Protein backbone atom coordinates (compact mmCIF):
# COMPACT_ATOMS: atom_id res chain seq x y z
CA MET A 1 -22.59 32.01 -18.26
CA SER A 2 -22.23 34.56 -15.42
CA LEU A 3 -20.99 38.07 -16.03
CA SER A 4 -17.95 37.46 -13.82
CA MET A 5 -16.92 34.39 -15.95
CA ARG A 6 -17.50 36.27 -19.27
CA CYS A 7 -15.29 39.21 -18.11
CA LYS A 8 -12.11 37.10 -17.72
CA TRP A 9 -10.79 38.09 -21.18
CA TRP A 10 -11.90 41.66 -20.50
CA SER A 11 -9.62 42.12 -17.53
CA VAL A 12 -6.56 41.29 -19.71
CA GLY A 13 -7.77 43.89 -22.24
CA HIS A 14 -7.93 46.31 -19.30
CA ALA A 15 -11.60 46.88 -19.23
CA ALA A 16 -12.85 44.81 -16.39
CA LEU A 17 -14.08 47.22 -13.79
CA VAL A 18 -12.97 45.44 -10.61
CA LEU A 19 -10.18 43.21 -11.89
CA ALA A 20 -8.50 46.00 -13.76
CA ALA A 21 -8.57 48.13 -10.64
CA LEU A 22 -6.33 45.57 -8.95
CA LEU A 23 -3.80 45.99 -11.67
CA ILE A 24 -3.62 49.76 -11.58
CA GLY A 25 -0.44 50.91 -9.85
CA ALA A 26 2.05 53.67 -9.35
CA ALA A 27 3.89 55.72 -6.68
CA ALA A 28 2.12 59.03 -6.31
CA ASN A 29 4.08 62.07 -7.43
CA ALA A 30 6.98 59.86 -8.61
CA GLN A 31 8.91 61.05 -11.64
CA LEU A 32 9.36 58.67 -14.53
CA ARG A 33 12.72 57.48 -15.88
CA ILE A 34 13.22 56.73 -19.58
CA GLU A 35 15.56 53.99 -20.71
CA ILE A 36 16.22 53.05 -24.30
CA ARG A 37 15.93 49.32 -24.87
CA SER A 38 16.46 49.42 -28.68
CA GLY A 39 16.78 52.17 -31.25
CA VAL A 40 17.44 52.67 -34.91
CA GLU A 41 20.52 50.87 -36.36
CA ARG A 42 22.40 54.10 -36.74
CA PRO A 43 21.19 56.95 -34.60
CA ILE A 44 22.18 60.39 -35.93
CA PRO A 45 25.47 61.52 -34.16
CA MET A 46 25.02 65.08 -33.04
CA ALA A 47 26.37 67.68 -30.69
CA ILE A 48 24.11 69.89 -28.55
CA VAL A 49 26.36 72.62 -27.24
CA PRO A 50 25.62 74.24 -23.89
CA PHE A 51 23.70 77.44 -24.62
CA GLY A 52 25.32 80.72 -23.78
CA PHE A 53 23.69 82.99 -21.26
CA ASN A 54 23.50 86.74 -21.35
CA GLY A 55 22.28 87.72 -17.90
CA GLY A 56 24.62 90.19 -16.25
CA GLY A 57 26.94 87.52 -14.85
CA ALA A 58 24.26 85.46 -13.14
CA PRO A 59 24.05 81.73 -13.75
CA ALA A 60 21.59 80.53 -16.37
CA PRO A 61 18.16 79.84 -14.90
CA PHE A 62 17.62 76.66 -16.84
CA ASP A 63 19.83 74.17 -18.77
CA LEU A 64 18.14 74.28 -22.17
CA ALA A 65 20.81 72.21 -23.95
CA GLY A 66 20.60 69.52 -21.24
CA LEU A 67 16.80 69.16 -21.78
CA VAL A 68 17.14 69.07 -25.53
CA THR A 69 19.94 66.48 -25.24
CA ALA A 70 17.69 64.29 -23.03
CA ASP A 71 14.68 64.67 -25.31
CA LEU A 72 16.50 63.76 -28.53
CA GLY A 73 18.69 61.07 -26.95
CA ASN A 74 15.61 59.39 -25.34
CA SER A 75 13.91 59.24 -28.73
CA GLY A 76 16.21 56.49 -29.82
CA ARG A 77 16.89 58.28 -33.14
CA PHE A 78 19.83 60.43 -32.08
CA ASP A 79 23.22 59.93 -30.34
CA PRO A 80 24.30 63.22 -28.70
CA ILE A 81 27.93 63.21 -27.72
CA PRO A 82 28.83 64.04 -24.06
CA GLU A 83 29.80 67.64 -23.30
CA SER A 84 33.11 66.41 -22.04
CA ASP A 85 34.02 65.16 -25.52
CA MET A 86 33.48 68.53 -27.20
CA LEU A 87 36.62 70.23 -28.54
CA SER A 88 34.93 73.63 -28.52
CA ARG A 89 31.67 75.18 -27.21
CA PRO A 90 30.51 77.79 -29.68
CA THR A 91 27.30 79.68 -29.01
CA ARG A 92 27.29 81.82 -32.18
CA PRO A 93 27.65 80.76 -35.86
CA ALA A 94 30.90 82.72 -36.32
CA ASP A 95 32.51 80.71 -33.60
CA ILE A 96 31.88 77.26 -35.13
CA ASN A 97 34.91 75.37 -36.34
CA PHE A 98 33.43 72.57 -38.45
CA ASN A 99 36.71 70.67 -38.41
CA ASP A 100 36.29 70.11 -34.66
CA TRP A 101 32.99 68.38 -35.20
CA GLN A 102 34.23 66.41 -38.19
CA ILE A 103 37.00 64.94 -36.09
CA LEU A 104 34.27 63.74 -33.64
CA ASP A 105 32.21 62.22 -36.49
CA VAL A 106 29.30 64.48 -35.66
CA ASP A 107 26.70 65.01 -38.40
CA VAL A 108 24.87 68.01 -36.96
CA VAL A 109 25.56 70.52 -34.29
CA LEU A 110 23.09 72.70 -32.31
CA ILE A 111 24.12 75.95 -30.73
CA GLY A 112 22.18 78.68 -28.94
CA GLU A 113 22.02 81.60 -26.57
CA LEU A 114 19.64 82.62 -23.80
CA THR A 115 19.31 86.33 -23.12
CA GLU A 116 17.50 87.99 -20.19
CA ASP A 117 15.49 90.86 -21.60
CA ALA A 118 13.71 91.90 -18.46
CA PRO A 119 13.04 90.28 -15.04
CA ASP A 120 11.70 86.76 -15.77
CA ARG A 121 11.57 87.45 -19.55
CA TYR A 122 13.99 85.79 -21.93
CA THR A 123 14.84 85.42 -25.62
CA ILE A 124 16.27 82.12 -27.02
CA VAL A 125 18.15 82.11 -30.28
CA PHE A 126 19.31 78.74 -31.70
CA GLN A 127 20.72 77.37 -34.90
CA LEU A 128 21.22 73.88 -36.30
CA PHE A 129 24.14 73.14 -38.71
CA ASP A 130 25.08 70.39 -41.07
CA VAL A 131 28.70 69.67 -40.19
CA LEU A 132 29.77 67.98 -43.48
CA ARG A 133 28.43 70.80 -45.68
CA GLY A 134 29.10 73.57 -43.20
CA GLU A 135 25.53 74.91 -43.75
CA GLN A 136 22.83 76.17 -41.46
CA LEU A 137 19.76 73.93 -41.52
CA LEU A 138 17.49 76.11 -39.40
CA GLY A 139 17.48 79.09 -37.06
CA PHE A 140 14.87 80.25 -34.65
CA ARG A 141 14.20 83.00 -32.10
CA LEU A 142 11.77 82.37 -29.17
CA SER A 143 10.50 84.65 -26.42
CA THR A 144 9.47 83.13 -23.15
CA ALA A 145 8.88 83.68 -19.51
CA ARG A 146 11.14 82.11 -16.87
CA ALA A 147 8.37 79.78 -15.83
CA ASP A 148 8.07 78.46 -19.39
CA LEU A 149 11.76 77.72 -20.07
CA ARG A 150 11.21 73.97 -19.72
CA ALA A 151 8.38 74.14 -22.21
CA ALA A 152 10.64 76.16 -24.53
CA GLY A 153 13.28 73.47 -24.33
CA HIS A 154 10.76 70.86 -25.43
CA GLN A 155 9.71 73.12 -28.24
CA ILE A 156 13.33 73.37 -29.41
CA ALA A 157 13.63 69.56 -29.35
CA ASP A 158 10.43 69.35 -31.42
CA ILE A 159 11.75 71.69 -34.07
CA VAL A 160 15.09 69.94 -34.35
CA TYR A 161 13.44 66.47 -34.40
CA GLU A 162 11.12 67.44 -37.27
CA GLU A 163 13.91 69.08 -39.23
CA LEU A 164 16.09 65.95 -39.11
CA THR A 165 13.41 63.21 -39.39
CA GLY A 166 10.53 64.81 -41.19
CA ILE A 167 8.20 63.71 -38.42
CA PRO A 168 6.67 66.28 -36.02
CA GLY A 169 8.06 65.96 -32.51
CA VAL A 170 6.02 65.15 -29.41
CA PHE A 171 8.26 66.41 -26.64
CA SER A 172 5.89 69.29 -25.95
CA THR A 173 2.94 66.95 -25.31
CA SER A 174 1.87 65.26 -22.12
CA ILE A 175 0.93 61.82 -20.85
CA ALA A 176 -1.67 60.85 -18.25
CA TYR A 177 -1.58 57.65 -16.19
CA VAL A 178 -3.14 56.15 -13.09
CA ASN A 179 -1.15 55.24 -9.99
CA GLU A 180 -1.88 53.56 -6.67
CA THR A 181 -0.23 54.07 -3.32
CA ARG A 182 -0.33 51.21 -0.87
CA ASN A 183 0.06 52.49 2.72
CA PRO A 184 1.57 50.47 5.57
CA ASP A 185 -1.94 49.85 7.03
CA GLY A 186 -3.01 48.20 3.81
CA SER A 187 -5.16 51.12 2.58
CA GLN A 188 -4.89 52.34 -0.99
CA ARG A 189 -4.80 55.73 -2.67
CA PHE A 190 -5.52 56.14 -6.35
CA ARG A 191 -4.30 59.15 -8.31
CA LEU A 192 -4.64 60.32 -11.84
CA ILE A 193 -1.39 61.97 -12.89
CA VAL A 194 -0.55 64.24 -15.84
CA ALA A 195 3.13 64.73 -16.72
CA ASP A 196 5.28 66.08 -19.53
CA SER A 197 6.17 63.52 -22.18
CA ASP A 198 9.53 62.94 -20.45
CA GLY A 199 7.76 62.12 -17.15
CA GLU A 200 8.78 65.35 -15.45
CA ASN A 201 6.49 68.13 -14.13
CA SER A 202 3.91 65.65 -12.85
CA ARG A 203 0.61 66.96 -11.44
CA VAL A 204 -2.10 65.09 -9.50
CA ILE A 205 -5.41 65.63 -11.38
CA ALA A 206 -7.60 63.42 -9.22
CA ASP A 207 -6.95 61.71 -5.89
CA SER A 208 -9.26 59.16 -4.29
CA PRO A 209 -9.27 56.14 -1.92
CA ASP A 210 -11.45 54.44 -4.52
CA PRO A 211 -10.27 53.19 -7.88
CA LEU A 212 -9.68 55.59 -10.76
CA MET A 213 -9.29 54.21 -14.29
CA SER A 214 -9.65 54.61 -18.05
CA PRO A 215 -8.39 58.22 -18.58
CA ALA A 216 -9.05 59.72 -21.99
CA TRP A 217 -7.98 63.09 -23.39
CA SER A 218 -10.29 65.55 -25.09
CA PRO A 219 -9.12 66.41 -28.65
CA ASP A 220 -8.03 69.93 -27.53
CA GLY A 221 -5.99 68.50 -24.62
CA ARG A 222 -7.83 70.67 -22.07
CA ARG A 223 -10.01 67.98 -20.44
CA ILE A 224 -9.65 64.44 -19.28
CA ALA A 225 -12.52 61.90 -18.97
CA TYR A 226 -12.04 59.05 -16.48
CA VAL A 227 -13.91 56.54 -14.42
CA SER A 228 -14.21 56.84 -10.63
CA PHE A 229 -15.58 54.28 -8.14
CA GLU A 230 -16.53 56.88 -5.48
CA GLY A 231 -19.17 55.43 -3.30
CA GLU A 232 -18.42 52.01 -4.74
CA ASN A 233 -20.35 52.81 -7.91
CA SER A 234 -18.74 53.48 -11.29
CA ALA A 235 -19.25 56.94 -12.78
CA VAL A 236 -17.61 58.86 -15.68
CA TYR A 237 -16.26 62.33 -14.93
CA VAL A 238 -14.88 65.00 -17.27
CA GLN A 239 -12.34 67.29 -15.63
CA THR A 240 -10.95 70.59 -17.00
CA LEU A 241 -7.19 70.68 -16.36
CA ARG A 242 -6.75 74.45 -16.04
CA THR A 243 -9.37 74.96 -13.40
CA GLY A 244 -9.71 71.53 -11.85
CA THR A 245 -13.49 71.70 -12.34
CA ARG A 246 -15.08 68.31 -13.01
CA ASP A 247 -18.50 67.25 -14.14
CA ARG A 248 -20.11 63.89 -13.58
CA VAL A 249 -21.37 63.03 -17.01
CA SER A 250 -22.61 59.47 -16.55
CA ALA A 251 -23.62 57.75 -13.32
CA ARG A 252 -26.34 55.55 -14.72
CA GLU A 253 -27.38 52.40 -12.95
CA GLY A 254 -24.91 49.59 -13.48
CA VAL A 255 -21.65 49.86 -15.35
CA ASN A 256 -20.29 53.26 -16.53
CA SER A 257 -16.88 52.74 -18.15
CA ALA A 258 -14.32 53.22 -20.94
CA PRO A 259 -15.05 56.85 -22.01
CA ALA A 260 -13.64 58.17 -25.30
CA PHE A 261 -14.04 61.70 -26.71
CA SER A 262 -15.35 62.25 -30.24
CA PRO A 263 -12.99 64.09 -32.55
CA ASP A 264 -15.02 67.28 -32.13
CA GLY A 265 -15.06 66.89 -28.31
CA ARG A 266 -18.85 67.14 -28.10
CA ARG A 267 -19.67 63.52 -27.36
CA LEU A 268 -18.36 60.57 -25.42
CA ALA A 269 -18.51 57.01 -26.46
CA LEU A 270 -18.64 54.67 -23.48
CA THR A 271 -19.81 51.33 -22.20
CA LEU A 272 -23.02 51.17 -20.18
CA SER A 273 -25.09 48.32 -18.75
CA ARG A 274 -28.26 50.38 -18.22
CA ASP A 275 -30.36 47.79 -20.10
CA GLY A 276 -28.76 44.81 -18.32
CA ASN A 277 -25.96 44.11 -20.81
CA LEU A 278 -22.63 45.77 -21.64
CA ASP A 279 -23.16 47.84 -24.80
CA ILE A 280 -21.73 50.83 -26.59
CA TYR A 281 -23.46 54.20 -26.20
CA THR A 282 -22.73 57.80 -27.06
CA ILE A 283 -23.55 60.76 -24.82
CA ASP A 284 -23.90 64.35 -25.98
CA LEU A 285 -22.00 66.33 -23.30
CA ALA A 286 -24.13 69.46 -23.74
CA THR A 287 -27.55 67.82 -23.67
CA GLN A 288 -26.88 64.50 -21.90
CA VAL A 289 -28.78 62.73 -24.61
CA SER A 290 -27.59 59.16 -24.91
CA ARG A 291 -27.79 56.84 -27.89
CA ARG A 292 -27.39 53.12 -27.81
CA LEU A 293 -25.32 51.80 -30.70
CA THR A 294 -25.03 48.03 -29.98
CA GLN A 295 -27.67 45.61 -28.87
CA SER A 296 -26.09 42.22 -28.38
CA SER A 297 -25.95 39.59 -25.68
CA SER A 298 -22.17 39.75 -25.90
CA ILE A 299 -19.77 42.01 -23.99
CA ASP A 300 -19.27 45.17 -26.09
CA THR A 301 -16.73 47.60 -24.61
CA GLU A 302 -13.63 49.73 -25.14
CA PRO A 303 -14.98 52.08 -27.79
CA THR A 304 -12.75 54.44 -29.73
CA TRP A 305 -13.66 56.90 -32.53
CA SER A 306 -12.36 56.77 -36.10
CA GLU A 307 -10.26 59.71 -37.10
CA ASP A 308 -13.19 61.30 -39.03
CA GLY A 309 -15.76 60.62 -36.24
CA GLU A 310 -18.00 58.65 -38.54
CA SER A 311 -17.25 55.21 -37.02
CA ILE A 312 -16.57 53.64 -33.67
CA TYR A 313 -14.26 50.65 -33.07
CA PHE A 314 -14.84 48.45 -30.10
CA THR A 315 -14.07 45.16 -28.47
CA SER A 316 -16.65 42.37 -28.42
CA ASP A 317 -16.78 38.63 -27.64
CA ARG A 318 -19.69 38.08 -29.98
CA ALA A 319 -17.58 35.58 -32.00
CA GLY A 320 -16.62 33.63 -28.95
CA GLY A 321 -13.49 35.60 -28.02
CA PRO A 322 -12.47 39.22 -27.98
CA GLN A 323 -12.11 40.75 -31.43
CA ILE A 324 -12.39 44.29 -32.86
CA TYR A 325 -15.49 45.51 -34.61
CA ARG A 326 -16.60 48.67 -36.38
CA ILE A 327 -19.97 50.42 -36.34
CA PRO A 328 -21.39 53.80 -37.44
CA SER A 329 -21.17 56.43 -34.75
CA VAL A 330 -24.84 57.34 -35.12
CA PRO A 331 -27.87 55.01 -35.20
CA PRO A 332 -29.35 53.15 -36.85
CA VAL A 333 -26.69 50.42 -36.69
CA ASP A 334 -27.67 47.50 -38.90
CA ARG A 335 -24.68 45.34 -37.99
CA ALA A 336 -21.19 45.37 -36.60
CA GLU A 337 -18.39 44.84 -39.07
CA ARG A 338 -15.64 42.58 -37.75
CA VAL A 339 -12.16 44.07 -38.29
CA THR A 340 -9.67 41.58 -36.74
CA PHE A 341 -9.42 37.93 -37.76
CA GLU A 342 -5.79 36.99 -37.04
CA GLY A 343 -5.43 35.31 -33.66
CA SER A 344 -8.00 34.44 -30.99
CA TYR A 345 -7.59 37.62 -28.98
CA ASN A 346 -7.58 41.26 -30.10
CA ALA A 347 -8.78 44.00 -27.71
CA ARG A 348 -8.47 47.60 -26.61
CA PRO A 349 -8.38 49.32 -30.02
CA ARG A 350 -6.92 52.76 -30.44
CA VAL A 351 -6.92 54.61 -33.75
CA SER A 352 -3.77 56.20 -35.11
CA PRO A 353 -3.94 59.98 -35.75
CA ASP A 354 -4.11 59.45 -39.51
CA GLY A 355 -6.75 56.80 -39.16
CA ASP A 356 -4.80 54.20 -41.11
CA SER A 357 -4.12 51.70 -38.34
CA LEU A 358 -5.31 50.47 -34.94
CA ALA A 359 -3.12 49.68 -31.92
CA VAL A 360 -4.55 46.65 -30.06
CA VAL A 361 -3.64 44.15 -27.43
CA HIS A 362 -3.02 40.90 -29.38
CA ARG A 363 -2.43 37.45 -27.94
CA ASN A 364 0.70 35.91 -29.39
CA GLN A 365 1.80 32.47 -28.19
CA ASP A 366 -0.02 32.94 -24.88
CA ASN A 367 1.60 36.37 -24.37
CA TYR A 368 -0.31 39.63 -24.60
CA ARG A 369 1.51 42.12 -26.79
CA ILE A 370 0.94 45.41 -28.57
CA ALA A 371 0.23 45.11 -32.30
CA THR A 372 -1.01 47.34 -35.09
CA VAL A 373 -3.86 46.29 -37.35
CA ASP A 374 -4.80 47.61 -40.75
CA PRO A 375 -8.55 48.19 -40.28
CA ASP A 376 -9.17 47.59 -44.07
CA THR A 377 -7.18 44.43 -44.59
CA GLY A 378 -6.96 43.02 -41.04
CA LEU A 379 -3.16 42.66 -41.38
CA VAL A 380 -1.51 42.45 -37.96
CA GLN A 381 2.06 43.49 -37.00
CA VAL A 382 3.22 42.56 -33.50
CA LEU A 383 5.48 45.32 -32.07
CA THR A 384 6.34 44.33 -28.52
CA ASN A 385 7.80 41.20 -26.81
CA GLY A 386 6.35 41.37 -23.26
CA ARG A 387 4.13 38.83 -21.50
CA LEU A 388 1.38 41.21 -20.42
CA ASP A 389 1.46 44.38 -22.52
CA GLU A 390 -1.77 46.41 -22.46
CA SER A 391 -3.45 49.87 -22.76
CA PRO A 392 -1.83 51.11 -25.98
CA SER A 393 -2.07 54.80 -26.88
CA PHE A 394 -0.71 56.53 -30.01
CA ALA A 395 1.44 59.65 -29.77
CA PRO A 396 -0.15 62.53 -31.70
CA ASN A 397 2.36 62.15 -34.54
CA GLY A 398 1.50 58.47 -34.87
CA ALA A 399 5.17 57.50 -34.70
CA GLN A 400 5.08 55.98 -31.17
CA ILE A 401 2.73 53.99 -29.00
CA ILE A 402 2.86 54.21 -25.19
CA TYR A 403 1.57 51.18 -23.27
CA ALA A 404 1.60 49.42 -19.84
CA THR A 405 3.51 46.30 -19.10
CA ARG A 406 5.07 44.36 -16.20
CA GLU A 407 8.73 43.88 -15.43
CA GLY A 408 10.31 42.45 -12.28
CA GLY A 409 6.88 41.87 -10.77
CA ARG A 410 5.75 45.50 -11.05
CA GLY A 411 3.90 47.64 -13.50
CA VAL A 412 5.92 49.95 -15.75
CA LEU A 413 5.15 52.04 -18.81
CA ALA A 414 6.92 51.53 -22.15
CA SER A 415 6.75 52.90 -25.63
CA VAL A 416 7.45 51.38 -29.05
CA SER A 417 7.73 53.03 -32.45
CA SER A 418 4.92 52.24 -34.81
CA ASP A 419 7.37 50.20 -36.93
CA GLY A 420 8.55 48.26 -33.87
CA ARG A 421 12.23 49.37 -34.17
CA ILE A 422 12.56 51.70 -31.20
CA ARG A 423 11.62 50.47 -27.73
CA ARG A 424 11.77 52.45 -24.47
CA GLN A 425 10.94 51.60 -20.88
CA ILE A 426 9.42 54.43 -18.90
CA ALA A 427 9.63 53.31 -15.25
CA SER A 428 8.60 55.06 -12.09
CA VAL A 429 11.55 55.59 -9.78
CA ALA A 430 9.27 54.14 -7.00
CA GLY A 431 6.22 52.03 -7.45
CA ASP A 432 4.00 50.90 -10.29
CA VAL A 433 2.33 52.85 -13.10
CA ARG A 434 -0.64 51.87 -15.27
CA GLU A 435 -3.07 52.96 -18.04
CA PRO A 436 -1.06 55.57 -20.00
CA VAL A 437 -2.67 57.81 -22.54
CA TRP A 438 -0.79 60.26 -24.78
CA SER A 439 -2.28 63.74 -25.10
CA PRO A 440 -2.94 65.42 -28.47
CA TYR A 441 -0.86 68.34 -29.58
CA PRO A 442 -1.53 71.44 -27.39
CA ARG A 443 -3.80 74.05 -28.97
CA PRO A 444 -3.57 77.86 -28.56
């Protein structure tokens, strides 16, 4: 069987080097728009009152309450009331009339003030109240620069989200994705984009007329590994986001694809064909020493590390169709342990932050959907209902999975909660988007 024939399943799993490049799409620099498709049965009714501003009569430099409202509303777990429905707009605890909010059937109310301490320096004070009990649930004071007010708004949303759900928020994190611009003359432009979790504040990280694919975050969120086809040959690069510096870490003969950082950030797992077949290797980023982990005549690809770094999950067709296997992350590897058994197609594994489940692309009634798999029992739970859902990536809190899909003939991003109850579409306002990956939590 030729390599091109054997790669047919691989392209659907989003690892075929050439076929997947044809699927990558997005409009460069386009913002993303979030639309809730389904949420929890009873989202928490809440009021997020416009924050007061103490700045010598000048208008507020940023709408913090508006950003927090968008973040929490777009999570699918909350139902913020419109500002126009508010009977009062308190900014300090003494000004709250809880009867006003009980009339509106609001469970919690968030108030706050923004104060300018010096040019471009601000203090934010905010409090969250239980309306029924008339009690304060939390209160915080933050100091920030003008340029960081958006980030501060996401931080407020994270704090409120965790207080009300018990789950850490992810509004302060980022997503990366690949886009493709098709020019009127038929030429293409590929860009690797990093944006805030709400799709705003997008930045072009890499820009090339040749395909870019398979972005992967380092565990500290400071670097991204990706595959570039510059010069028509695949190579793996690692780029530092703050400086833009990039290093070519693998340009070996043949295929270089599907990079994944180890939990300590010191190694990459990737797919190479240096010995004539597609196998799983690891590369030490400091020494460039590579280790071959699989030696099979099958296609072994799409590696991802276990949460403790001791194992690597990957996709292989060694049983006749794509399934997920597990091997030790260091040789010798006696054998690969098969993890998935339900269904004829399971590919593109990604490990949850707690290591208890895998997100995979699972074929369900001739549709390719996102599912979670218990790696110990093999139990599968299908989460999505699309026809061509692919490229799953867990949020750092494990509560959501972002993925790529198609709607109306074009590529869009979407997310689903890990229990399948909350679904969102994250569409570009112009063009297609592909291959999303959720960043880890930012580190100091």
